[in-house]
PDB file of all heavy atoms in Angstrom:
ATOM      1  N   ALA A   1       0.817  -1.211   0.000  1.00  0.00           N
ATOM      2  CA  ALA A   1       0.000   0.000   0.000  1.00  0.00           C
ATOM      3  C   ALA A   1       0.855   1.267   0.000  1.00  0.00           C
ATOM      4  O   ALA A   1       0.384   2.337  -0.396  1.00  0.00           O
ATOM      5  CB  ALA A   1      -0.930   0.012   1.207  1.00  0.00           C
ATOM      6  N   LEU A   2       2.112   1.157   0.410  1.00  0.00           N
ATOM      7  CA  LEU A   2       3.007   2.313   0.334  1.00  0.00           C
ATOM      8  C   LEU A   2       3.224   2.752  -1.108  1.00  0.00           C
ATOM      9  O   LEU A   2       3.500   3.922  -1.379  1.00  0.00           O
ATOM     10  CB  LEU A   2       4.364   1.971   0.963  1.00  0.00           C
ATOM     11  CG  LEU A   2       4.418   1.816   2.479  1.00  0.00           C
ATOM     12  CD1 LEU A   2       5.820   1.390   2.884  1.00  0.00           C
ATOM     13  CD2 LEU A   2       4.035   3.123   3.176  1.00  0.00           C
ATOM     14  N   TYR A   3       3.116   1.810  -2.026  1.00  0.00           N
ATOM     15  CA  TYR A   3       3.376   2.091  -3.437  1.00  0.00           C
ATOM     16  C   TYR A   3       2.094   2.314  -4.225  1.00  0.00           C
ATOM     17  O   TYR A   3       2.155   2.646  -5.415  1.00  0.00           O
ATOM     18  CB  TYR A   3       4.176   0.944  -4.058  1.00  0.00           C
ATOM     19  CG  TYR A   3       5.225   0.387  -3.137  1.00  0.00           C
ATOM     20  CD1 TYR A   3       5.233  -0.958  -2.776  1.00  0.00           C
ATOM     21  CD2 TYR A   3       6.203   1.211  -2.585  1.00  0.00           C
ATOM     22  CE1 TYR A   3       6.188  -1.467  -1.909  1.00  0.00           C
ATOM     23  CE2 TYR A   3       7.161   0.708  -1.711  1.00  0.00           C
ATOM     24  CZ  TYR A   3       7.144  -0.631  -1.375  1.00  0.00           C
ATOM     25  OH  TYR A   3       8.075  -1.130  -0.506  1.00  0.00           O
ATOM     26  N   GLY A   4       0.941   2.116  -3.584  1.00  0.00           N
ATOM     27  CA  GLY A   4      -0.328   2.353  -4.260  1.00  0.00           C
ATOM     28  C   GLY A   4      -1.312   1.223  -4.051  1.00  0.00           C
ATOM     29  O   GLY A   4      -0.932   0.099  -3.715  1.00  0.00           O
ATOM     30  N   ARG A   5      -2.574   1.544  -4.242  1.00  0.00           N
ATOM     31  CA  ARG A   5      -3.659   0.556  -4.104  1.00  0.00           C
ATOM     32  C   ARG A   5      -4.316   0.306  -5.463  1.00  0.00           C
ATOM     33  O   ARG A   5      -5.521   0.215  -5.574  1.00  0.00           O
ATOM     34  CB  ARG A   5      -4.691   1.045  -3.086  1.00  0.00           C
ATOM     35  CG  ARG A   5      -4.118   1.249  -1.682  1.00  0.00           C
ATOM     36  CD  ARG A   5      -5.173   1.777  -0.725  1.00  0.00           C
ATOM     37  NE  ARG A   5      -4.651   1.992   0.614  1.00  0.00           N
ATOM     38  CZ  ARG A   5      -4.607   1.064   1.560  1.00  0.00           C
ATOM     39  NH1 ARG A   5      -5.074  -0.146   1.306  1.00  0.00           N
ATOM     40  NH2 ARG A   5      -4.124   1.337   2.751  1.00  0.00           N
ATOM     41  N   HIS A   6      -3.503   0.201  -6.477  1.00  0.00           N
ATOM     42  CA  HIS A   6      -4.015   0.104  -7.836  1.00  0.00           C
ATOM     43  C   HIS A   6      -4.626  -1.274  -8.114  1.00  0.00           C
ATOM     44  O   HIS A   6      -4.233  -2.281  -7.519  1.00  0.00           O
ATOM     45  CB  HIS A   6      -2.887   0.378  -8.822  1.00  0.00           C
ATOM     46  CG  HIS A   6      -2.148   1.642  -8.527  1.00  0.00           C
ATOM     47  ND1 HIS A   6      -2.731   2.877  -8.622  1.00  0.00           N
ATOM     48  CD2 HIS A   6      -0.867   1.851  -8.116  1.00  0.00           C
ATOM     49  CE1 HIS A   6      -1.861   3.807  -8.290  1.00  0.00           C
ATOM     50  NE2 HIS A   6      -0.717   3.221  -7.983  1.00  0.00           N
ATOM     51  N   ARG A   7      -5.558  -1.295  -9.045  1.00  0.00           N
ATOM     52  CA  ARG A   7      -6.284  -2.514  -9.394  1.00  0.00           C
ATOM     53  C   ARG A   7      -5.824  -3.040 -10.750  1.00  0.00           C
ATOM     54  O   ARG A   7      -5.661  -2.268 -11.704  1.00  0.00           O
ATOM     55  CB  ARG A   7      -7.792  -2.252  -9.421  1.00  0.00           C
ATOM     56  CG  ARG A   7      -8.356  -1.776  -8.083  1.00  0.00           C
ATOM     57  CD  ARG A   7      -8.048  -2.745  -6.967  1.00  0.00           C
ATOM     58  NE  ARG A   7      -8.656  -2.379  -5.698  1.00  0.00           N
ATOM     59  CZ  ARG A   7      -8.392  -2.976  -4.551  1.00  0.00           C
ATOM     60  NH1 ARG A   7      -7.503  -3.969  -4.521  1.00  0.00           N
ATOM     61  NH2 ARG A   7      -8.984  -2.606  -3.432  1.00  0.00           N
ATOM     62  N   LEU A   8      -5.653  -4.337 -10.829  1.00  0.00           N
ATOM     63  CA  LEU A   8      -5.210  -4.958 -12.064  1.00  0.00           C
ATOM     64  C   LEU A   8      -6.195  -4.698 -13.194  1.00  0.00           C
ATOM     65  O   LEU A   8      -5.802  -4.456 -14.337  1.00  0.00           O
ATOM     66  CB  LEU A   8      -5.024  -6.462 -11.850  1.00  0.00           C
ATOM     67  CG  LEU A   8      -4.589  -7.294 -13.050  1.00  0.00           C
ATOM     68  CD1 LEU A   8      -3.238  -6.818 -13.585  1.00  0.00           C
ATOM     69  CD2 LEU A   8      -4.517  -8.773 -12.670  1.00  0.00           C
ATOM     70  N   ALA A   9      -7.492  -4.752 -12.895  1.00  0.00           N
ATOM     71  CA  ALA A   9      -8.517  -4.565 -13.923  1.00  0.00           C
ATOM     72  C   ALA A   9      -8.531  -3.149 -14.478  1.00  0.00           C
ATOM     73  O   ALA A   9      -9.202  -2.890 -15.482  1.00  0.00           O
ATOM     74  CB  ALA A   9      -9.894  -4.917 -13.363  1.00  0.00           C
ATOM     75  N   GLN A  10      -7.808  -2.228 -13.838  1.00  0.00           N
ATOM     76  CA  GLN A  10      -7.737  -0.846 -14.326  1.00  0.00           C
ATOM     77  C   GLN A  10      -6.403  -0.522 -14.986  1.00  0.00           C
ATOM     78  O   GLN A  10      -6.181   0.620 -15.396  1.00  0.00           O
ATOM     79  CB  GLN A  10      -7.979   0.114 -13.150  1.00  0.00           C
ATOM     80  CG  GLN A  10      -9.352  -0.051 -12.520  1.00  0.00           C
ATOM     81  CD  GLN A  10      -9.486   0.701 -11.211  1.00  0.00           C
ATOM     82  OE1 GLN A  10      -8.511   1.224 -10.686  1.00  0.00           O
ATOM     83  NE2 GLN A  10     -10.697   0.758 -10.684  1.00  0.00           N
ATOM     84  N   ALA A  11      -5.531  -1.525 -15.092  1.00  0.00           N
ATOM     85  CA  ALA A  11      -4.187  -1.295 -15.642  1.00  0.00           C
ATOM     86  C   ALA A  11      -4.238  -1.272 -17.163  1.00  0.00           C
ATOM     87  O   ALA A  11      -4.505  -2.296 -17.803  1.00  0.00           O
ATOM     88  CB  ALA A  11      -3.235  -2.387 -15.161  1.00  0.00           C
ATOM     89  N   ALA A  12      -3.947  -0.116 -17.743  1.00  0.00           N
ATOM     90  CA  ALA A  12      -3.949   0.021 -19.203  1.00  0.00           C
ATOM     91  C   ALA A  12      -2.563  -0.258 -19.774  1.00  0.00           C
ATOM     92  O   ALA A  12      -2.134   0.375 -20.734  1.00  0.00           O
ATOM     93  CB  ALA A  12      -4.412   1.420 -19.589  1.00  0.00           C
ATOM     94  N   PHE A  13      -1.876  -1.210 -19.178  1.00  0.00           N
ATOM     95  CA  PHE A  13      -0.536  -1.605 -19.604  1.00  0.00           C
ATOM     96  C   PHE A  13      -0.370  -3.087 -19.297  1.00  0.00           C
ATOM     97  O   PHE A  13      -1.184  -3.695 -18.575  1.00  0.00           O
ATOM     98  CB  PHE A  13       0.539  -0.783 -18.873  1.00  0.00           C
ATOM     99  CG  PHE A  13       0.433  -0.842 -17.377  1.00  0.00           C
ATOM    100  CD1 PHE A  13       1.079  -1.831 -16.643  1.00  0.00           C
ATOM    101  CD2 PHE A  13      -0.336   0.099 -16.682  1.00  0.00           C
ATOM    102  CE1 PHE A  13       0.972  -1.886 -15.266  1.00  0.00           C
ATOM    103  CE2 PHE A  13      -0.448   0.046 -15.302  1.00  0.00           C
ATOM    104  CZ  PHE A  13       0.208  -0.944 -14.596  1.00  0.00           C
ATOM    105  N   VAL A  14       0.669  -3.692 -19.841  1.00  0.00           N
ATOM    106  CA  VAL A  14       0.923  -5.112 -19.599  1.00  0.00           C
ATOM    107  C   VAL A  14       1.556  -5.268 -18.213  1.00  0.00           C
ATOM    108  O   VAL A  14       2.618  -4.694 -17.948  1.00  0.00           O
ATOM    109  CB  VAL A  14       1.858  -5.694 -20.674  1.00  0.00           C
ATOM    110  CG1 VAL A  14       2.116  -7.169 -20.399  1.00  0.00           C
ATOM    111  CG2 VAL A  14       1.263  -5.495 -22.055  1.00  0.00           C
ATOM    112  N   PRO A  15       0.929  -6.007 -17.310  1.00  0.00           N
ATOM    113  CA  PRO A  15       1.438  -6.127 -15.945  1.00  0.00           C
ATOM    114  C   PRO A  15       2.802  -6.813 -15.902  1.00  0.00           C
ATOM    115  O   PRO A  15       3.089  -7.722 -16.689  1.00  0.00           O
ATOM    116  CB  PRO A  15       0.375  -6.972 -15.239  1.00  0.00           C
ATOM    117  CG  PRO A  15      -0.852  -6.836 -16.080  1.00  0.00           C
ATOM    118  CD  PRO A  15      -0.356  -6.695 -17.485  1.00  0.00           C
ATOM    119  N   ALA A  16       3.630  -6.386 -14.969  1.00  0.00           N
ATOM    120  CA  ALA A  16       4.951  -6.974 -14.799  1.00  0.00           C
ATOM    121  C   ALA A  16       4.865  -8.331 -14.106  1.00  0.00           C
ATOM    122  O   ALA A  16       3.854  -8.698 -13.500  1.00  0.00           O
ATOM    123  CB  ALA A  16       5.848  -6.030 -14.003  1.00  0.00           C
ATOM    124  N   ASP A  17       5.948  -9.049 -14.190  1.00  0.00           N
ATOM    125  CA  ASP A  17       6.057 -10.389 -13.617  1.00  0.00           C
ATOM    126  C   ASP A  17       6.211 -10.318 -12.101  1.00  0.00           C
ATOM    127  O   ASP A  17       7.031  -9.565 -11.580  1.00  0.00           O
ATOM    128  CB  ASP A  17       7.294 -11.063 -14.230  1.00  0.00           C
ATOM    129  CG  ASP A  17       7.417 -12.528 -13.876  1.00  0.00           C
ATOM    130  OD1 ASP A  17       6.384 -13.176 -13.621  1.00  0.00           O
ATOM    131  OD2 ASP A  17       8.549 -13.037 -13.855  1.00  0.00           O
ATOM    132  N   GLY A  18       5.370 -11.082 -11.366  1.00  0.00           N
ATOM    133  CA  GLY A  18       5.622 -11.314  -9.959  1.00  0.00           C
ATOM    134  C   GLY A  18       5.070 -10.323  -8.964  1.00  0.00           C
ATOM    135  O   GLY A  18       5.299 -10.494  -7.764  1.00  0.00           O
ATOM    136  N   ILE A  19       4.324  -9.300  -9.409  1.00  0.00           N
ATOM    137  CA  ILE A  19       3.833  -8.319  -8.445  1.00  0.00           C
ATOM    138  C   ILE A  19       2.336  -8.035  -8.569  1.00  0.00           C
ATOM    139  O   ILE A  19       1.822  -7.149  -7.886  1.00  0.00           O
ATOM    140  CB  ILE A  19       4.609  -6.983  -8.548  1.00  0.00           C
ATOM    141  CG1 ILE A  19       4.477  -6.378  -9.949  1.00  0.00           C
ATOM    142  CG2 ILE A  19       6.062  -7.180  -8.170  1.00  0.00           C
ATOM    143  CD1 ILE A  19       5.103  -4.995 -10.056  1.00  0.00           C
ATOM    144  N   TRP A  20       1.640  -8.794  -9.403  1.00  0.00           N
ATOM    145  CA  TRP A  20       0.195  -8.629  -9.549  1.00  0.00           C
ATOM    146  C   TRP A  20      -0.507  -9.945  -9.254  1.00  0.00           C
ATOM    147  O   TRP A  20      -0.060 -11.009  -9.674  1.00  0.00           O
ATOM    148  CB  TRP A  20      -0.168  -8.174 -10.966  1.00  0.00           C
ATOM    149  CG  TRP A  20       0.260  -6.779 -11.284  1.00  0.00           C
ATOM    150  CD1 TRP A  20       1.394  -6.381 -11.939  1.00  0.00           C
ATOM    151  CD2 TRP A  20      -0.443  -5.571 -10.950  1.00  0.00           C
ATOM    152  NE1 TRP A  20       1.435  -5.018 -12.035  1.00  0.00           N
ATOM    153  CE2 TRP A  20       0.330  -4.487 -11.441  1.00  0.00           C
ATOM    154  CE3 TRP A  20      -1.647  -5.308 -10.284  1.00  0.00           C
ATOM    155  CZ2 TRP A  20      -0.078  -3.167 -11.284  1.00  0.00           C
ATOM    156  CZ3 TRP A  20      -2.042  -3.979 -10.138  1.00  0.00           C
ATOM    157  CH2 TRP A  20      -1.267  -2.932 -10.634  1.00  0.00           C
ATOM    158  N   VAL A  21      -1.624  -9.846  -8.562  1.00  0.00           N
ATOM    159  CA  VAL A  21      -2.464 -11.009  -8.271  1.00  0.00           C
ATOM    160  C   VAL A  21      -3.686 -10.966  -9.177  1.00  0.00           C
ATOM    161  O   VAL A  21      -4.434  -9.979  -9.188  1.00  0.00           O
ATOM    162  CB  VAL A  21      -2.902 -11.028  -6.798  1.00  0.00           C
ATOM    163  CG1 VAL A  21      -3.911 -12.145  -6.547  1.00  0.00           C
ATOM    164  CG2 VAL A  21      -1.685 -11.210  -5.895  1.00  0.00           C
ATOM    165  N   LEU A  22      -3.872 -12.029  -9.945  1.00  0.00           N
ATOM    166  CA  LEU A  22      -5.057 -12.170 -10.788  1.00  0.00           C
ATOM    167  C   LEU A  22      -6.125 -12.883  -9.959  1.00  0.00           C
ATOM    168  O   LEU A  22      -5.964 -14.045  -9.582  1.00  0.00           O
ATOM    169  CB  LEU A  22      -4.726 -12.972 -12.046  1.00  0.00           C
ATOM    170  CG  LEU A  22      -5.892 -13.320 -12.966  1.00  0.00           C
ATOM    171  CD1 LEU A  22      -6.558 -12.061 -13.521  1.00  0.00           C
ATOM    172  CD2 LEU A  22      -5.428 -14.225 -14.102  1.00  0.00           C
ATOM    173  N   GLU A  23      -7.204 -12.174  -9.659  1.00  0.00           N
ATOM    174  CA  GLU A  23      -8.315 -12.732  -8.883  1.00  0.00           C
ATOM    175  C   GLU A  23      -9.456 -13.096  -9.828  1.00  0.00           C
ATOM    176  O   GLU A  23      -9.873 -12.276 -10.648  1.00  0.00           O
ATOM    177  CB  GLU A  23      -8.839 -11.706  -7.882  1.00  0.00           C
ATOM    178  CG  GLU A  23      -7.850 -11.256  -6.837  1.00  0.00           C
ATOM    179  CD  GLU A  23      -8.472 -10.210  -5.929  1.00  0.00           C
ATOM    180  OE1 GLU A  23      -8.702  -9.076  -6.396  1.00  0.00           O
ATOM    181  OE2 GLU A  23      -8.718 -10.532  -4.754  1.00  0.00           O
ATOM    182  N   ILE A  24      -9.950 -14.298  -9.673  1.00  0.00           N
ATOM    183  CA  ILE A  24     -11.081 -14.761 -10.480  1.00  0.00           C
ATOM    184  C   ILE A  24     -12.194 -15.225  -9.549  1.00  0.00           C
ATOM    185  O   ILE A  24     -12.052 -16.217  -8.829  1.00  0.00           O
ATOM    186  CB  ILE A  24     -10.674 -15.914 -11.415  1.00  0.00           C
ATOM    187  CG1 ILE A  24      -9.586 -15.460 -12.396  1.00  0.00           C
ATOM    188  CG2 ILE A  24     -11.910 -16.442 -12.157  1.00  0.00           C
ATOM    189  CD1 ILE A  24     -10.015 -14.367 -13.362  1.00  0.00           C
ATOM    190  N   GLN A  25     -13.285 -14.483  -9.544  1.00  0.00           N
ATOM    191  CA  GLN A  25     -14.483 -14.849  -8.783  1.00  0.00           C
ATOM    192  C   GLN A  25     -15.603 -15.091  -9.790  1.00  0.00           C
ATOM    193  O   GLN A  25     -15.891 -14.222 -10.627  1.00  0.00           O
ATOM    194  CB  GLN A  25     -14.885 -13.727  -7.835  1.00  0.00           C
ATOM    195  CG  GLN A  25     -16.223 -13.914  -7.155  1.00  0.00           C
ATOM    196  CD  GLN A  25     -16.145 -14.760  -5.901  1.00  0.00           C
ATOM    197  OE1 GLN A  25     -15.244 -14.577  -5.100  1.00  0.00           O
ATOM    198  NE2 GLN A  25     -17.078 -15.686  -5.741  1.00  0.00           N
ATOM    199  N   VAL A  26     -16.200 -16.275  -9.722  1.00  0.00           N
ATOM    200  CA  VAL A  26     -17.314 -16.591 -10.613  1.00  0.00           C
ATOM    201  C   VAL A  26     -18.510 -17.032  -9.788  1.00  0.00           C
ATOM    202  O   VAL A  26     -18.365 -17.497  -8.653  1.00  0.00           O
ATOM    203  CB  VAL A  26     -16.939 -17.695 -11.632  1.00  0.00           C
ATOM    204  CG1 VAL A  26     -15.787 -17.262 -12.520  1.00  0.00           C
ATOM    205  CG2 VAL A  26     -16.616 -19.015 -10.934  1.00  0.00           C
ATOM    206  N   ARG A  27     -19.669 -16.883 -10.380  1.00  0.00           N
ATOM    207  CA  ARG A  27     -20.883 -17.457  -9.783  1.00  0.00           C
ATOM    208  C   ARG A  27     -21.656 -18.179 -10.872  1.00  0.00           C
ATOM    209  O   ARG A  27     -21.622 -17.776 -12.051  1.00  0.00           O
ATOM    210  CB  ARG A  27     -21.749 -16.388  -9.117  1.00  0.00           C
ATOM    211  CG  ARG A  27     -22.269 -15.318 -10.024  1.00  0.00           C
ATOM    212  CD  ARG A  27     -23.347 -14.483  -9.331  1.00  0.00           C
ATOM    213  NE  ARG A  27     -22.840 -13.765  -8.187  1.00  0.00           N
ATOM    214  CZ  ARG A  27     -22.487 -12.466  -8.199  1.00  0.00           C
ATOM    215  NH1 ARG A  27     -22.592 -11.776  -9.341  1.00  0.00           N
ATOM    216  NH2 ARG A  27     -22.061 -11.867  -7.143  1.00  0.00           N
ATOM    217  N   ASP A  28     -22.305 -19.268 -10.483  1.00  0.00           N
ATOM    218  CA  ASP A  28     -23.098 -20.027 -11.436  1.00  0.00           C
ATOM    219  C   ASP A  28     -24.243 -19.166 -11.944  1.00  0.00           C
ATOM    220  O   ASP A  28     -24.799 -18.340 -11.201  1.00  0.00           O
ATOM    221  CB  ASP A  28     -23.640 -21.297 -10.775  1.00  0.00           C
ATOM    222  CG  ASP A  28     -24.262 -22.236 -11.787  1.00  0.00           C
ATOM    223  OD1 ASP A  28     -23.522 -23.060 -12.351  1.00  0.00           O
ATOM    224  OD2 ASP A  28     -25.484 -22.135 -12.012  1.00  0.00           O
ATOM    225  N   ARG A  29     -24.609 -19.352 -13.200  1.00  0.00           N
ATOM    226  CA  ARG A  29     -25.623 -18.487 -13.810  1.00  0.00           C
ATOM    227  C   ARG A  29     -27.039 -18.843 -13.367  1.00  0.00           C
ATOM    228  O   ARG A  29     -27.966 -18.045 -13.552  1.00  0.00           O
ATOM    229  CB  ARG A  29     -25.517 -18.551 -15.335  1.00  0.00           C
ATOM    230  CG  ARG A  29     -24.141 -18.112 -15.838  1.00  0.00           C
ATOM    231  CD  ARG A  29     -24.075 -18.057 -17.346  1.00  0.00           C
ATOM    232  NE  ARG A  29     -24.805 -16.908 -17.869  1.00  0.00           N
ATOM    233  CZ  ARG A  29     -24.848 -16.582 -19.147  1.00  0.00           C
ATOM    234  NH1 ARG A  29     -24.220 -17.324 -20.044  1.00  0.00           N
ATOM    235  NH2 ARG A  29     -25.522 -15.525 -19.556  1.00  0.00           N
ATOM    236  N   THR A  30     -27.220 -20.036 -12.776  1.00  0.00           N
ATOM    237  CA  THR A  30     -28.569 -20.435 -12.358  1.00  0.00           C
ATOM    238  C   THR A  30     -28.636 -20.920 -10.910  1.00  0.00           C
ATOM    239  O   THR A  30     -29.685 -20.796 -10.273  1.00  0.00           O
ATOM    240  CB  THR A  30     -29.111 -21.548 -13.270  1.00  0.00           C
ATOM    241  OG1 THR A  30     -28.214 -22.677 -13.225  1.00  0.00           O
ATOM    242  CG2 THR A  30     -29.243 -21.054 -14.707  1.00  0.00           C
ATOM    243  N   LEU A  31     -27.554 -21.460 -10.379  1.00  0.00           N
ATOM    244  CA  LEU A  31     -27.558 -22.041  -9.039  1.00  0.00           C
ATOM    245  C   LEU A  31     -26.895 -21.115  -8.032  1.00  0.00           C
ATOM    246  O   LEU A  31     -26.028 -20.319  -8.398  1.00  0.00           O
ATOM    247  CB  LEU A  31     -26.821 -23.390  -9.057  1.00  0.00           C
ATOM    248  CG  LEU A  31     -27.378 -24.453 -10.009  1.00  0.00           C
ATOM    249  CD1 LEU A  31     -26.439 -25.651 -10.077  1.00  0.00           C
ATOM    250  CD2 LEU A  31     -28.769 -24.885  -9.549  1.00  0.00           C
ATOM    251  N   PRO A  32     -27.262 -21.218  -6.742  1.00  0.00           N
ATOM    252  CA  PRO A  32     -26.694 -20.326  -5.721  1.00  0.00           C
ATOM    253  C   PRO A  32     -25.324 -20.801  -5.226  1.00  0.00           C
ATOM    254  O   PRO A  32     -25.111 -21.027  -4.026  1.00  0.00           O
ATOM    255  CB  PRO A  32     -27.743 -20.383  -4.603  1.00  0.00           C
ATOM    256  CG  PRO A  32     -28.305 -21.765  -4.699  1.00  0.00           C
ATOM    257  CD  PRO A  32     -28.341 -22.075  -6.183  1.00  0.00           C
ATOM    258  N   ILE A  33     -24.392 -20.948  -6.163  1.00  0.00           N
ATOM    259  CA  ILE A  33     -23.041 -21.374  -5.824  1.00  0.00           C
ATOM    260  C   ILE A  33     -22.041 -20.525  -6.601  1.00  0.00           C
ATOM    261  O   ILE A  33     -22.356 -19.975  -7.655  1.00  0.00           O
ATOM    262  CB  ILE A  33     -22.797 -22.873  -6.127  1.00  0.00           C
ATOM    263  CG1 ILE A  33     -23.137 -23.177  -7.594  1.00  0.00           C
ATOM    264  CG2 ILE A  33     -23.580 -23.771  -5.193  1.00  0.00           C
ATOM    265  CD1 ILE A  33     -22.819 -24.598  -8.019  1.00  0.00           C
ATOM    266  N   GLY A  34     -20.835 -20.438  -6.065  1.00  0.00           N
ATOM    267  CA  GLY A  34     -19.784 -19.695  -6.738  1.00  0.00           C
ATOM    268  C   GLY A  34     -18.438 -20.312  -6.443  1.00  0.00           C
ATOM    269  O   GLY A  34     -18.335 -21.344  -5.767  1.00  0.00           O
ATOM    270  N   ALA A  35     -17.384 -19.674  -6.953  1.00  0.00           N
ATOM    271  CA  ALA A  35     -16.029 -20.188  -6.749  1.00  0.00           C
ATOM    272  C   ALA A  35     -15.035 -19.053  -6.901  1.00  0.00           C
ATOM    273  O   ALA A  35     -15.321 -18.029  -7.545  1.00  0.00           O
ATOM    274  CB  ALA A  35     -15.717 -21.310  -7.732  1.00  0.00           C
ATOM    275  N   PHE A  36     -13.850 -19.264  -6.346  1.00  0.00           N
ATOM    276  CA  PHE A  36     -12.812 -18.238  -6.338  1.00  0.00           C
ATOM    277  C   PHE A  36     -11.464 -18.902  -6.531  1.00  0.00           C
ATOM    278  O   PHE A  36     -11.200 -19.982  -5.993  1.00  0.00           O
ATOM    279  CB  PHE A  36     -12.849 -17.500  -4.996  1.00  0.00           C
ATOM    280  CG  PHE A  36     -11.805 -16.430  -4.847  1.00  0.00           C
ATOM    281  CD1 PHE A  36     -11.906 -15.222  -5.514  1.00  0.00           C
ATOM    282  CD2 PHE A  36     -10.716 -16.628  -4.010  1.00  0.00           C
ATOM    283  CE1 PHE A  36     -10.954 -14.227  -5.357  1.00  0.00           C
ATOM    284  CE2 PHE A  36      -9.756 -15.642  -3.849  1.00  0.00           C
ATOM    285  CZ  PHE A  36      -9.873 -14.437  -4.521  1.00  0.00           C
ATOM    286  N   TYR A  37     -10.621 -18.244  -7.327  1.00  0.00           N
ATOM    287  CA  TYR A  37      -9.232 -18.684  -7.456  1.00  0.00           C
ATOM    288  C   TYR A  37      -8.381 -17.449  -7.693  1.00  0.00           C
ATOM    289  O   TYR A  37      -8.728 -16.587  -8.508  1.00  0.00           O
ATOM    290  CB  TYR A  37      -9.048 -19.659  -8.626  1.00  0.00           C
ATOM    291  CG  TYR A  37      -7.656 -20.254  -8.661  1.00  0.00           C
ATOM    292  CD1 TYR A  37      -7.371 -21.417  -7.955  1.00  0.00           C
ATOM    293  CD2 TYR A  37      -6.627 -19.646  -9.365  1.00  0.00           C
ATOM    294  CE1 TYR A  37      -6.090 -21.957  -7.958  1.00  0.00           C
ATOM    295  CE2 TYR A  37      -5.351 -20.172  -9.366  1.00  0.00           C
ATOM    296  CZ  TYR A  37      -5.092 -21.334  -8.665  1.00  0.00           C
ATOM    297  OH  TYR A  37      -3.815 -21.847  -8.655  1.00  0.00           O
ATOM    298  N   GLU A  38      -7.262 -17.350  -6.973  1.00  0.00           N
ATOM    299  CA  GLU A  38      -6.330 -16.251  -7.186  1.00  0.00           C
ATOM    300  C   GLU A  38      -4.908 -16.744  -6.979  1.00  0.00           C
ATOM    301  O   GLU A  38      -4.644 -17.669  -6.206  1.00  0.00           O
ATOM    302  CB  GLU A  38      -6.612 -15.083  -6.240  1.00  0.00           C
ATOM    303  CG  GLU A  38      -6.312 -15.382  -4.787  1.00  0.00           C
ATOM    304  CD  GLU A  38      -6.382 -14.151  -3.902  1.00  0.00           C
ATOM    305  OE1 GLU A  38      -6.427 -13.020  -4.422  1.00  0.00           O
ATOM    306  OE2 GLU A  38      -6.392 -14.330  -2.670  1.00  0.00           O
ATOM    307  N   ASP A  39      -3.993 -16.095  -7.693  1.00  0.00           N
ATOM    308  CA  ASP A  39      -2.576 -16.421  -7.581  1.00  0.00           C
ATOM    309  C   ASP A  39      -1.787 -15.270  -8.194  1.00  0.00           C
ATOM    310  O   ASP A  39      -2.330 -14.442  -8.930  1.00  0.00           O
ATOM    311  CB  ASP A  39      -2.266 -17.733  -8.305  1.00  0.00           C
ATOM    312  CG  ASP A  39      -0.981 -18.392  -7.846  1.00  0.00           C
ATOM    313  OD1 ASP A  39      -0.243 -17.778  -7.053  1.00  0.00           O
ATOM    314  OD2 ASP A  39      -0.695 -19.515  -8.297  1.00  0.00           O
ATOM    315  N   VAL A  40      -0.503 -15.237  -7.898  1.00  0.00           N
ATOM    316  CA  VAL A  40       0.378 -14.223  -8.464  1.00  0.00           C
ATOM    317  C   VAL A  40       0.629 -14.543  -9.936  1.00  0.00           C
ATOM    318  O   VAL A  40       0.837 -15.708 -10.301  1.00  0.00           O
ATOM    319  CB  VAL A  40       1.714 -14.183  -7.701  1.00  0.00           C
ATOM    320  CG1 VAL A  40       2.620 -13.094  -8.276  1.00  0.00           C
ATOM    321  CG2 VAL A  40       1.480 -13.949  -6.218  1.00  0.00           C
ATOM    322  N   LEU A  41       0.610 -13.531 -10.773  1.00  0.00           N
ATOM    323  CA  LEU A  41       0.969 -13.719 -12.176  1.00  0.00           C
ATOM    324  C   LEU A  41       2.485 -13.861 -12.288  1.00  0.00           C
ATOM    325  O   LEU A  41       3.236 -12.932 -11.944  1.00  0.00           O
ATOM    326  CB  LEU A  41       0.497 -12.530 -13.011  1.00  0.00           C
ATOM    327  CG  LEU A  41      -0.988 -12.490 -13.371  1.00  0.00           C
ATOM    328  CD1 LEU A  41      -1.324 -11.185 -14.064  1.00  0.00           C
ATOM    329  CD2 LEU A  41      -1.380 -13.681 -14.226  1.00  0.00           C
ATOM    330  N   LEU A  42       2.912 -15.019 -12.756  1.00  0.00           N
ATOM    331  CA  LEU A  42       4.328 -15.317 -12.929  1.00  0.00           C
ATOM    332  C   LEU A  42       4.540 -15.935 -14.303  1.00  0.00           C
ATOM    333  O   LEU A  42       3.742 -16.760 -14.747  1.00  0.00           O
ATOM    334  CB  LEU A  42       4.822 -16.285 -11.851  1.00  0.00           C
ATOM    335  CG  LEU A  42       4.892 -15.744 -10.429  1.00  0.00           C
ATOM    336  CD1 LEU A  42       4.963 -16.889  -9.433  1.00  0.00           C
ATOM    337  CD2 LEU A  42       6.092 -14.818 -10.280  1.00  0.00           C
TER     338      LEU A  42
END
């Protein structure tokens, strides 16, 4: 947070290696269930 609270989805540039987390949150289109996966882009 000392360097910023920027969001990957707002980055208008190609993200660098090793310092961005790609978060994927999905929900089923008909059922009350969802899922989440995140990891560092390397």
